[in-house]
Amino acid sequence: MKILAAIDLMGGLVVRGVAGERNMYAPLRSSLTSTDTAEPAAILRGLHERLGIEDFYLADLDAIAGAEPTWEVYQRLLEETGRLRIDAGIADAQRAQRMARFAKQNAGVTGIIVALESIRGKHRLREVCREIPPELLVFSLDLKSGGPLGATGAWHDSDPMAIVADAVELGVERLIVLDLTAVGVGNGCPTLSLCQSIRRRFEHLEITTGGGVRGVDDLSLLASAGCDAALVASAFHDGRIERDDLIRFVKTRSAGETSSPVV
């Protein structure tokens, strides 16, 4: 199972997510940097050098709210590490085209996220799917307290599993399941059972989840549920998951499974 560091970007700085209440987000203070900085490149560098993280999920919260994507920040972060999955608030084919062009010019973009929060219904997702290469397209099933987040009335059925089925029908092969109320709270990952259900029904899907990860035990639960990748943020910056923990996790999973996790 891959471990990705989740980075929320707002106003040019990395912020700490709190239960999806973005008015409460403040510049991140991380134990992984030598100075008190929330500058994106410094945070990413700390995650890479101190923990060995090589894959990152970047949520550009300003772009999600409707602003222009911060292309120069994406470029700088790609130069710093190399592998980013980016959520830049794709809501239509035009922004999808621009993100696809950016990804073509930057091989380090490993995922273009199309989030339920931003996309208005199956017909819009269909349009976007035509613009993004299927190997890069990642659909994010955004939830709040277990219910779908966004313009759910634009979908034929607002049940989370039905939305996943619609996405799969349109050719989606990569999925993120994220309940924003769990982000930054540290109470465990509430999407565990839903991910198990999705895995049973759609065996071919790449499933990533996160939100609320407290430590390595939670990572083990997600791996056992059939998740291919996990998103982690606060547990890294607070020091609850350290490099040695990740090394032990990899060794344990490698010994117990036929397929080895990747950090």
C-alpha atoms as a PDB file:
ATOM      1  CA  MET A   1       0.000   0.000   0.000  1.00  0.00           C
ATOM      2  CA  LYS A   2       1.347   3.429  -0.930  1.00  0.00           C
ATOM      3  CA  ILE A   3       1.485   6.177   1.656  1.00  0.00           C
ATOM      4  CA  LEU A   4       0.852   9.685   0.321  1.00  0.00           C
ATOM      5  CA  ALA A   5       1.336  12.896   2.241  1.00  0.00           C
ATOM      6  CA  ALA A   6      -1.704  15.132   1.898  1.00  0.00           C
ATOM      7  CA  ILE A   7      -1.045  18.851   1.509  1.00  0.00           C
ATOM      8  CA  ASP A   8      -3.774  21.505   1.702  1.00  0.00           C
ATOM      9  CA  LEU A   9      -2.765  24.749   0.032  1.00  0.00           C
ATOM     10  CA  MET A  10      -4.478  28.068   0.800  1.00  0.00           C
ATOM     11  CA  GLY A  11      -3.213  31.570   0.163  1.00  0.00           C
ATOM     12  CA  GLY A  12       0.116  30.201  -0.993  1.00  0.00           C
ATOM     13  CA  LEU A  13       0.764  28.377   2.290  1.00  0.00           C
ATOM     14  CA  VAL A  14       0.222  24.848   3.568  1.00  0.00           C
ATOM     15  CA  VAL A  15      -2.656  24.861   6.045  1.00  0.00           C
ATOM     16  CA  ARG A  16      -3.847  22.359   8.606  1.00  0.00           C
ATOM     17  CA  GLY A  17      -7.243  20.914   7.786  1.00  0.00           C
ATOM     18  CA  VAL A  18      -9.829  20.727  10.560  1.00  0.00           C
ATOM     19  CA  ALA A  19     -12.948  18.634   9.859  1.00  0.00           C
ATOM     20  CA  GLY A  20     -13.481  20.284   6.487  1.00  0.00           C
ATOM     21  CA  GLU A  21     -14.247  23.651   8.143  1.00  0.00           C
ATOM     22  CA  ARG A  22     -12.028  25.758   5.911  1.00  0.00           C
ATOM     23  CA  ASN A  23     -12.691  28.975   7.789  1.00  0.00           C
ATOM     24  CA  MET A  24     -10.778  27.339  10.659  1.00  0.00           C
ATOM     25  CA  TYR A  25      -7.742  26.359   8.593  1.00  0.00           C
ATOM     26  CA  ALA A  26      -4.500  28.041   9.682  1.00  0.00           C
ATOM     27  CA  PRO A  27      -0.883  27.872   8.458  1.00  0.00           C
ATOM     28  CA  LEU A  28       0.626  24.515   9.323  1.00  0.00           C
ATOM     29  CA  ARG A  29       3.217  24.091  12.032  1.00  0.00           C
ATOM     30  CA  SER A  30       5.193  20.956  11.332  1.00  0.00           C
ATOM     31  CA  SER A  31       7.745  19.054  13.383  1.00  0.00           C
ATOM     32  CA  LEU A  32       9.414  18.137  10.094  1.00  0.00           C
ATOM     33  CA  THR A  33      10.855  21.561   9.314  1.00  0.00           C
ATOM     34  CA  SER A  34      13.732  23.259  11.084  1.00  0.00           C
ATOM     35  CA  THR A  35      12.010  26.643  10.968  1.00  0.00           C
ATOM     36  CA  ASP A  36       8.451  27.720  11.672  1.00  0.00           C
ATOM     37  CA  THR A  37       7.353  27.849   8.054  1.00  0.00           C
ATOM     38  CA  ALA A  38       4.283  26.819   6.110  1.00  0.00           C
ATOM     39  CA  GLU A  39       5.931  27.411   2.734  1.00  0.00           C
ATOM     40  CA  PRO A  40       4.890  24.510   0.448  1.00  0.00           C
ATOM     41  CA  ALA A  41       8.359  23.552  -0.820  1.00  0.00           C
ATOM     42  CA  ALA A  42       9.789  23.501   2.715  1.00  0.00           C
ATOM     43  CA  ILE A  43       6.951  21.301   4.000  1.00  0.00           C
ATOM     44  CA  LEU A  44       7.286  18.926   1.083  1.00  0.00           C
ATOM     45  CA  ARG A  45      11.053  18.812   1.532  1.00  0.00           C
ATOM     46  CA  GLY A  46      10.629  17.907   5.199  1.00  0.00           C
ATOM     47  CA  LEU A  47       8.223  15.093   4.365  1.00  0.00           C
ATOM     48  CA  HIS A  48      10.606  13.732   1.762  1.00  0.00           C
ATOM     49  CA  GLU A  49      13.886  14.078   3.640  1.00  0.00           C
ATOM     50  CA  ARG A  50      12.683  13.207   7.156  1.00  0.00           C
ATOM     51  CA  LEU A  51      10.133  10.510   6.333  1.00  0.00           C
ATOM     52  CA  GLY A  52      11.092   9.313   2.867  1.00  0.00           C
ATOM     53  CA  ILE A  53       7.696  10.214   1.386  1.00  0.00           C
ATOM     54  CA  GLU A  54       7.811  10.355  -2.404  1.00  0.00           C
ATOM     55  CA  ASP A  55       4.140  10.671  -3.375  1.00  0.00           C
ATOM     56  CA  PHE A  56       1.956  13.665  -2.562  1.00  0.00           C
ATOM     57  CA  TYR A  57      -1.694  14.649  -2.778  1.00  0.00           C
ATOM     58  CA  LEU A  58      -2.134  18.391  -3.216  1.00  0.00           C
ATOM     59  CA  ALA A  59      -5.499  20.072  -2.643  1.00  0.00           C
ATOM     60  CA  ASP A  60      -5.418  23.643  -3.943  1.00  0.00           C
ATOM     61  CA  LEU A  61      -8.230  25.002  -1.778  1.00  0.00           C
ATOM     62  CA  ASP A  62      -8.295  28.390  -3.499  1.00  0.00           C
ATOM     63  CA  ALA A  63      -8.712  26.732  -6.903  1.00  0.00           C
ATOM     64  CA  ILE A  64     -11.392  24.457  -5.455  1.00  0.00           C
ATOM     65  CA  ALA A  65     -13.197  27.621  -4.320  1.00  0.00           C
ATOM     66  CA  GLY A  66     -13.062  28.978  -7.878  1.00  0.00           C
ATOM     67  CA  ALA A  67      -9.738  30.815  -8.144  1.00  0.00           C
ATOM     68  CA  GLU A  68      -7.135  30.282 -10.855  1.00  0.00           C
ATOM     69  CA  PRO A  69      -4.963  27.224 -10.164  1.00  0.00           C
ATOM     70  CA  THR A  70      -1.555  28.126  -8.750  1.00  0.00           C
ATOM     71  CA  TRP A  71       0.428  26.638 -11.609  1.00  0.00           C
ATOM     72  CA  GLU A  72       3.730  28.116 -10.441  1.00  0.00           C
ATOM     73  CA  VAL A  73       3.388  26.398  -7.046  1.00  0.00           C
ATOM     74  CA  TYR A  74       2.642  23.059  -8.701  1.00  0.00           C
ATOM     75  CA  GLN A  75       5.711  23.509 -10.885  1.00  0.00           C
ATOM     76  CA  ARG A  76       7.929  24.328  -7.927  1.00  0.00           C
ATOM     77  CA  LEU A  77       6.717  21.328  -5.939  1.00  0.00           C
ATOM     78  CA  LEU A  78       7.254  19.007  -8.888  1.00  0.00           C
ATOM     79  CA  GLU A  79      10.821  20.246  -9.145  1.00  0.00           C
ATOM     80  CA  GLU A  80      11.224  19.544  -5.427  1.00  0.00           C
ATOM     81  CA  THR A  81      10.010  15.943  -5.362  1.00  0.00           C
ATOM     82  CA  GLY A  82       8.583  14.692  -8.611  1.00  0.00           C
ATOM     83  CA  ARG A  83       5.205  13.052  -7.921  1.00  0.00           C
ATOM     84  CA  LEU A  84       1.956  14.923  -7.312  1.00  0.00           C
ATOM     85  CA  ARG A  85      -1.740  14.119  -7.500  1.00  0.00           C
ATOM     86  CA  ILE A  86      -3.439  17.482  -7.870  1.00  0.00           C
ATOM     87  CA  ASP A  87      -6.955  18.651  -7.023  1.00  0.00           C
ATOM     88  CA  ALA A  88      -7.363  22.047  -8.664  1.00  0.00           C
ATOM     89  CA  GLY A  89     -11.137  22.247  -8.472  1.00  0.00           C
ATOM     90  CA  ILE A  90     -11.971  20.763 -11.869  1.00  0.00           C
ATOM     91  CA  ALA A  91     -15.631  21.526 -12.547  1.00  0.00           C
ATOM     92  CA  ASP A  92     -15.763  21.558 -16.349  1.00  0.00           C
ATOM     93  CA  ALA A  93     -14.049  20.444 -19.526  1.00  0.00           C
ATOM     94  CA  GLN A  94     -12.097  23.688 -19.918  1.00  0.00           C
ATOM     95  CA  ARG A  95     -10.194  23.358 -16.647  1.00  0.00           C
ATOM     96  CA  ALA A  96      -9.774  19.654 -17.304  1.00  0.00           C
ATOM     97  CA  GLN A  97      -8.113  20.474 -20.637  1.00  0.00           C
ATOM     98  CA  ARG A  98      -5.729  22.899 -18.953  1.00  0.00           C
ATOM     99  CA  MET A  99      -4.808  20.401 -16.251  1.00  0.00           C
ATOM    100  CA  ALA A 100      -4.260  17.703 -18.876  1.00  0.00           C
ATOM    101  CA  ARG A 101      -1.904  20.035 -20.788  1.00  0.00           C
ATOM    102  CA  PHE A 102      -0.014  20.814 -17.584  1.00  0.00           C
ATOM    103  CA  ALA A 103       0.327  17.100 -16.830  1.00  0.00           C
ATOM    104  CA  LYS A 104       1.588  16.407 -20.353  1.00  0.00           C
ATOM    105  CA  GLN A 105       4.307  18.995 -19.802  1.00  0.00           C
ATOM    106  CA  ASN A 106       5.145  17.695 -16.321  1.00  0.00           C
ATOM    107  CA  ALA A 107       5.629  13.946 -16.082  1.00  0.00           C
ATOM    108  CA  GLY A 108       5.590  14.124 -12.285  1.00  0.00           C
ATOM    109  CA  VAL A 109       1.829  14.672 -12.250  1.00  0.00           C
ATOM    110  CA  THR A 110       0.616  11.187 -11.333  1.00  0.00           C
ATOM    111  CA  GLY A 111      -3.040  12.032 -10.902  1.00  0.00           C
ATOM    112  CA  ILE A 112      -5.548  14.692 -11.932  1.00  0.00           C
ATOM    113  CA  ILE A 113      -8.281  14.693  -9.336  1.00  0.00           C
ATOM    114  CA  VAL A 114     -11.891  15.323 -10.269  1.00  0.00           C
ATOM    115  CA  ALA A 115     -13.756  15.760  -7.008  1.00  0.00           C
ATOM    116  CA  LEU A 116     -17.421  15.241  -6.228  1.00  0.00           C
ATOM    117  CA  GLU A 117     -17.314  18.546  -4.340  1.00  0.00           C
ATOM    118  CA  SER A 118     -16.512  20.373  -7.594  1.00  0.00           C
ATOM    119  CA  ILE A 119     -18.189  18.409 -10.389  1.00  0.00           C
ATOM    120  CA  ARG A 120     -21.917  18.898 -10.961  1.00  0.00           C
ATOM    121  CA  GLY A 121     -23.301  15.521 -11.887  1.00  0.00           C
ATOM    122  CA  LYS A 122     -22.630  12.598 -14.155  1.00  0.00           C
ATOM    123  CA  HIS A 123     -22.953  14.593 -17.374  1.00  0.00           C
ATOM    124  CA  ARG A 124     -20.163  16.960 -16.291  1.00  0.00           C
ATOM    125  CA  LEU A 125     -17.992  14.044 -15.249  1.00  0.00           C
ATOM    126  CA  ARG A 126     -18.556  12.499 -18.674  1.00  0.00           C
ATOM    127  CA  GLU A 127     -17.305  15.700 -20.349  1.00  0.00           C
ATOM    128  CA  VAL A 128     -14.241  15.836 -18.100  1.00  0.00           C
ATOM    129  CA  CYS A 129     -13.423  12.164 -18.691  1.00  0.00           C
ATOM    130  CA  ARG A 130     -13.024  12.945 -22.392  1.00  0.00           C
ATOM    131  CA  GLU A 131     -10.286  15.474 -21.631  1.00  0.00           C
ATOM    132  CA  ILE A 132      -8.124  13.630 -19.099  1.00  0.00           C
ATOM    133  CA  PRO A 133      -6.141  10.472 -19.946  1.00  0.00           C
ATOM    134  CA  PRO A 134      -7.729   7.546 -18.049  1.00  0.00           C
ATOM    135  CA  GLU A 135      -4.435   6.631 -16.404  1.00  0.00           C
ATOM    136  CA  LEU A 136      -4.313  10.099 -14.805  1.00  0.00           C
ATOM    137  CA  LEU A 137      -7.992  10.590 -13.963  1.00  0.00           C
ATOM    138  CA  VAL A 138      -8.759  10.141 -10.266  1.00  0.00           C
ATOM    139  CA  PHE A 139     -12.342  10.579  -9.075  1.00  0.00           C
ATOM    140  CA  SER A 140     -12.657  11.761  -5.475  1.00  0.00           C
ATOM    141  CA  LEU A 141     -15.775  10.645  -3.633  1.00  0.00           C
ATOM    142  CA  ASP A 142     -15.994  13.569  -1.209  1.00  0.00           C
ATOM    143  CA  LEU A 143     -18.116  12.954   1.875  1.00  0.00           C
ATOM    144  CA  LYS A 144     -19.185  14.889   4.931  1.00  0.00           C
ATOM    145  CA  SER A 145     -20.335  12.828   7.916  1.00  0.00           C
ATOM    146  CA  GLY A 146     -20.818   9.900   5.535  1.00  0.00           C
ATOM    147  CA  GLY A 147     -22.989  11.745   3.014  1.00  0.00           C
ATOM    148  CA  PRO A 148     -21.910  12.956  -0.436  1.00  0.00           C
ATOM    149  CA  LEU A 149     -20.540  16.503  -0.570  1.00  0.00           C
ATOM    150  CA  GLY A 150     -21.408  18.850  -3.403  1.00  0.00           C
ATOM    151  CA  ALA A 151     -24.257  19.206  -5.866  1.00  0.00           C
ATOM    152  CA  THR A 152     -25.698  15.783  -5.105  1.00  0.00           C
ATOM    153  CA  GLY A 153     -29.024  16.713  -6.713  1.00  0.00           C
ATOM    154  CA  ALA A 154     -27.240  16.674 -10.075  1.00  0.00           C
ATOM    155  CA  TRP A 155     -26.671  12.927  -9.746  1.00  0.00           C
ATOM    156  CA  HIS A 156     -29.288  10.298 -10.567  1.00  0.00           C
ATOM    157  CA  ASP A 157     -28.793   8.768  -7.126  1.00  0.00           C
ATOM    158  CA  SER A 158     -26.994  10.491  -4.250  1.00  0.00           C
ATOM    159  CA  ASP A 159     -26.028   7.260  -2.503  1.00  0.00           C
ATOM    160  CA  PRO A 160     -22.201   7.098  -2.358  1.00  0.00           C
ATOM    161  CA  MET A 161     -22.045   3.626  -3.871  1.00  0.00           C
ATOM    162  CA  ALA A 162     -24.341   4.680  -6.716  1.00  0.00           C
ATOM    163  CA  ILE A 163     -22.077   7.647  -7.474  1.00  0.00           C
ATOM    164  CA  VAL A 164     -19.061   5.340  -7.562  1.00  0.00           C
ATOM    165  CA  ALA A 165     -20.963   3.054  -9.959  1.00  0.00           C
ATOM    166  CA  ASP A 166     -21.710   6.040 -12.223  1.00  0.00           C
ATOM    167  CA  ALA A 167     -18.036   7.017 -12.224  1.00  0.00           C
ATOM    168  CA  VAL A 168     -16.948   3.472 -13.046  1.00  0.00           C
ATOM    169  CA  GLU A 169     -19.475   3.336 -15.885  1.00  0.00           C
ATOM    170  CA  LEU A 170     -17.789   6.412 -17.370  1.00  0.00           C
ATOM    171  CA  GLY A 171     -14.409   4.717 -17.274  1.00  0.00           C
ATOM    172  CA  VAL A 172     -12.990   5.841 -13.913  1.00  0.00           C
ATOM    173  CA  GLU A 173     -10.358   3.372 -12.691  1.00  0.00           C
ATOM    174  CA  ARG A 174      -8.862   5.339  -9.788  1.00  0.00           C
ATOM    175  CA  LEU A 175     -10.836   6.460  -6.748  1.00  0.00           C
ATOM    176  CA  ILE A 176     -10.279   8.526  -3.602  1.00  0.00           C
ATOM    177  CA  VAL A 177     -12.733   8.129  -0.726  1.00  0.00           C
ATOM    178  CA  LEU A 178     -12.455  11.029   1.715  1.00  0.00           C
ATOM    179  CA  ASP A 179     -14.749  12.143   4.532  1.00  0.00           C
ATOM    180  CA  LEU A 180     -13.786  15.743   5.258  1.00  0.00           C
ATOM    181  CA  THR A 181     -15.231  15.692   8.785  1.00  0.00           C
ATOM    182  CA  ALA A 182     -12.433  13.286   9.746  1.00  0.00           C
ATOM    183  CA  VAL A 183      -9.589  15.424   8.394  1.00  0.00           C
ATOM    184  CA  GLY A 184      -7.219  16.686  11.082  1.00  0.00           C
ATOM    185  CA  VAL A 185      -9.321  15.300  13.914  1.00  0.00           C
ATOM    186  CA  GLY A 186      -7.357  12.111  14.600  1.00  0.00           C
ATOM    187  CA  ASN A 187     -10.306   9.889  15.470  1.00  0.00           C
ATOM    188  CA  GLY A 188      -9.616   7.159  12.944  1.00  0.00           C
ATOM    189  CA  CYS A 189     -10.685   6.756   9.345  1.00  0.00           C
ATOM    190  CA  PRO A 190     -14.505   6.507   9.030  1.00  0.00           C
ATOM    191  CA  THR A 191     -14.421   5.401   5.391  1.00  0.00           C
ATOM    192  CA  LEU A 192     -13.065   1.937   6.227  1.00  0.00           C
ATOM    193  CA  SER A 193     -16.295  -0.026   5.779  1.00  0.00           C
ATOM    194  CA  LEU A 194     -17.249   1.894   2.627  1.00  0.00           C
ATOM    195  CA  CYS A 195     -13.854   1.128   1.107  1.00  0.00           C
ATOM    196  CA  GLN A 196     -14.370  -2.551   1.923  1.00  0.00           C
ATOM    197  CA  SER A 197     -17.745  -2.479   0.136  1.00  0.00           C
ATOM    198  CA  ILE A 198     -16.286  -0.706  -2.880  1.00  0.00           C
ATOM    199  CA  ARG A 199     -13.433  -3.219  -3.064  1.00  0.00           C
ATOM    200  CA  ARG A 200     -15.861  -6.153  -3.019  1.00  0.00           C
ATOM    201  CA  ARG A 201     -17.975  -4.681  -5.822  1.00  0.00           C
ATOM    202  CA  PHE A 202     -15.245  -3.150  -7.992  1.00  0.00           C
ATOM    203  CA  GLU A 203     -12.179  -5.338  -7.707  1.00  0.00           C
ATOM    204  CA  HIS A 204     -10.273  -3.498 -10.437  1.00  0.00           C
ATOM    205  CA  LEU A 205     -10.464  -0.018  -8.885  1.00  0.00           C
ATOM    206  CA  GLU A 206      -7.434   1.671  -7.377  1.00  0.00           C
ATOM    207  CA  ILE A 207      -8.751   2.846  -3.997  1.00  0.00           C
ATOM    208  CA  THR A 208      -7.142   5.589  -1.917  1.00  0.00           C
ATOM    209  CA  THR A 209      -8.553   6.850   1.362  1.00  0.00           C
ATOM    210  CA  GLY A 210      -7.547   8.883   4.390  1.00  0.00           C
ATOM    211  CA  GLY A 211      -8.761  11.420   6.899  1.00  0.00           C
ATOM    212  CA  GLY A 212      -8.297  10.748  10.595  1.00  0.00           C
ATOM    213  CA  VAL A 213      -5.305   8.426  10.354  1.00  0.00           C
ATOM    214  CA  ARG A 214      -3.823   8.302  13.866  1.00  0.00           C
ATOM    215  CA  GLY A 215      -0.899   5.966  13.421  1.00  0.00           C
ATOM    216  CA  VAL A 216       0.462   2.819  11.827  1.00  0.00           C
ATOM    217  CA  ASP A 217      -2.366   0.666  13.216  1.00  0.00           C
ATOM    218  CA  ASP A 218      -4.838   2.670  11.135  1.00  0.00           C
ATOM    219  CA  LEU A 219      -2.659   2.187   8.061  1.00  0.00           C
ATOM    220  CA  SER A 220      -2.738  -1.562   8.659  1.00  0.00           C
ATOM    221  CA  LEU A 221      -6.537  -1.476   8.870  1.00  0.00           C
ATOM    222  CA  LEU A 222      -6.769   0.371   5.571  1.00  0.00           C
ATOM    223  CA  ALA A 223      -4.392  -2.053   3.874  1.00  0.00           C
ATOM    224  CA  SER A 224      -6.402  -5.011   5.192  1.00  0.00           C
ATOM    225  CA  ALA A 225      -9.587  -3.389   3.848  1.00  0.00           C
ATOM    226  CA  GLY A 226      -8.116  -3.557   0.354  1.00  0.00           C
ATOM    227  CA  CYS A 227      -6.993   0.048  -0.034  1.00  0.00           C
ATOM    228  CA  ASP A 228      -4.154   0.638  -2.476  1.00  0.00           C
ATOM    229  CA  ALA A 229      -3.018   3.920  -0.945  1.00  0.00           C
ATOM    230  CA  ALA A 230      -3.574   6.031   2.154  1.00  0.00           C
ATOM    231  CA  LEU A 231      -3.524   9.793   2.645  1.00  0.00           C
ATOM    232  CA  VAL A 232      -1.815  11.059   5.798  1.00  0.00           C
ATOM    233  CA  ALA A 233      -1.218  14.607   7.023  1.00  0.00           C
ATOM    234  CA  SER A 234      -1.496  15.557  10.711  1.00  0.00           C
ATOM    235  CA  ALA A 235       0.002  12.294  11.992  1.00  0.00           C
ATOM    236  CA  PHE A 236       3.189  13.116  10.076  1.00  0.00           C
ATOM    237  CA  HIS A 237       3.487  16.707  11.195  1.00  0.00           C
ATOM    238  CA  ASP A 238       2.642  15.920  14.844  1.00  0.00           C
ATOM    239  CA  GLY A 239       5.241  13.134  14.964  1.00  0.00           C
ATOM    240  CA  ARG A 240       2.732  10.326  15.541  1.00  0.00           C
ATOM    241  CA  ILE A 241       4.093   8.497  12.493  1.00  0.00           C
ATOM    242  CA  GLU A 242       7.860   8.611  12.042  1.00  0.00           C
ATOM    243  CA  ARG A 243      10.240   7.153   9.479  1.00  0.00           C
ATOM    244  CA  ASP A 244      10.985   4.050  11.567  1.00  0.00           C
ATOM    245  CA  ASP A 245       7.242   3.408  11.897  1.00  0.00           C
ATOM    246  CA  LEU A 246       6.858   3.476   8.127  1.00  0.00           C
ATOM    247  CA  ILE A 247       9.820   1.136   7.660  1.00  0.00           C
ATOM    248  CA  ARG A 248       8.336  -1.352  10.141  1.00  0.00           C
ATOM    249  CA  PHE A 249       4.954  -1.052   8.451  1.00  0.00           C
ATOM    250  CA  VAL A 250       6.455  -1.870   5.072  1.00  0.00           C
ATOM    251  CA  LYS A 251       8.360  -4.860   6.462  1.00  0.00           C
ATOM    252  CA  THR A 252       5.312  -6.205   8.300  1.00  0.00           C
ATOM    253  CA  ARG A 253       3.024  -5.902   5.303  1.00  0.00           C
ATOM    254  CA  SER A 254       5.660  -7.399   3.017  1.00  0.00           C
ATOM    255  CA  ALA A 255       6.038 -10.398   5.294  1.00  0.00           C
ATOM    256  CA  GLY A 256       2.298 -10.943   5.623  1.00  0.00           C
ATOM    257  CA  GLU A 257       1.092 -10.350   2.053  1.00  0.00           C
ATOM    258  CA  THR A 258       1.997 -11.424  -1.453  1.00  0.00           C
ATOM    259  CA  SER A 259       2.163  -7.822  -2.627  1.00  0.00           C
ATOM    260  CA  SER A 260       4.452  -5.412  -0.825  1.00  0.00           C
ATOM    261  CA  PRO A 261       3.329  -1.935   0.215  1.00  0.00           C
ATOM    262  CA  VAL A 262       5.279   0.984  -1.114  1.00  0.00           C
ATOM    263  CA  VAL A 263       6.280   4.120   0.743  1.00  0.00           C
END
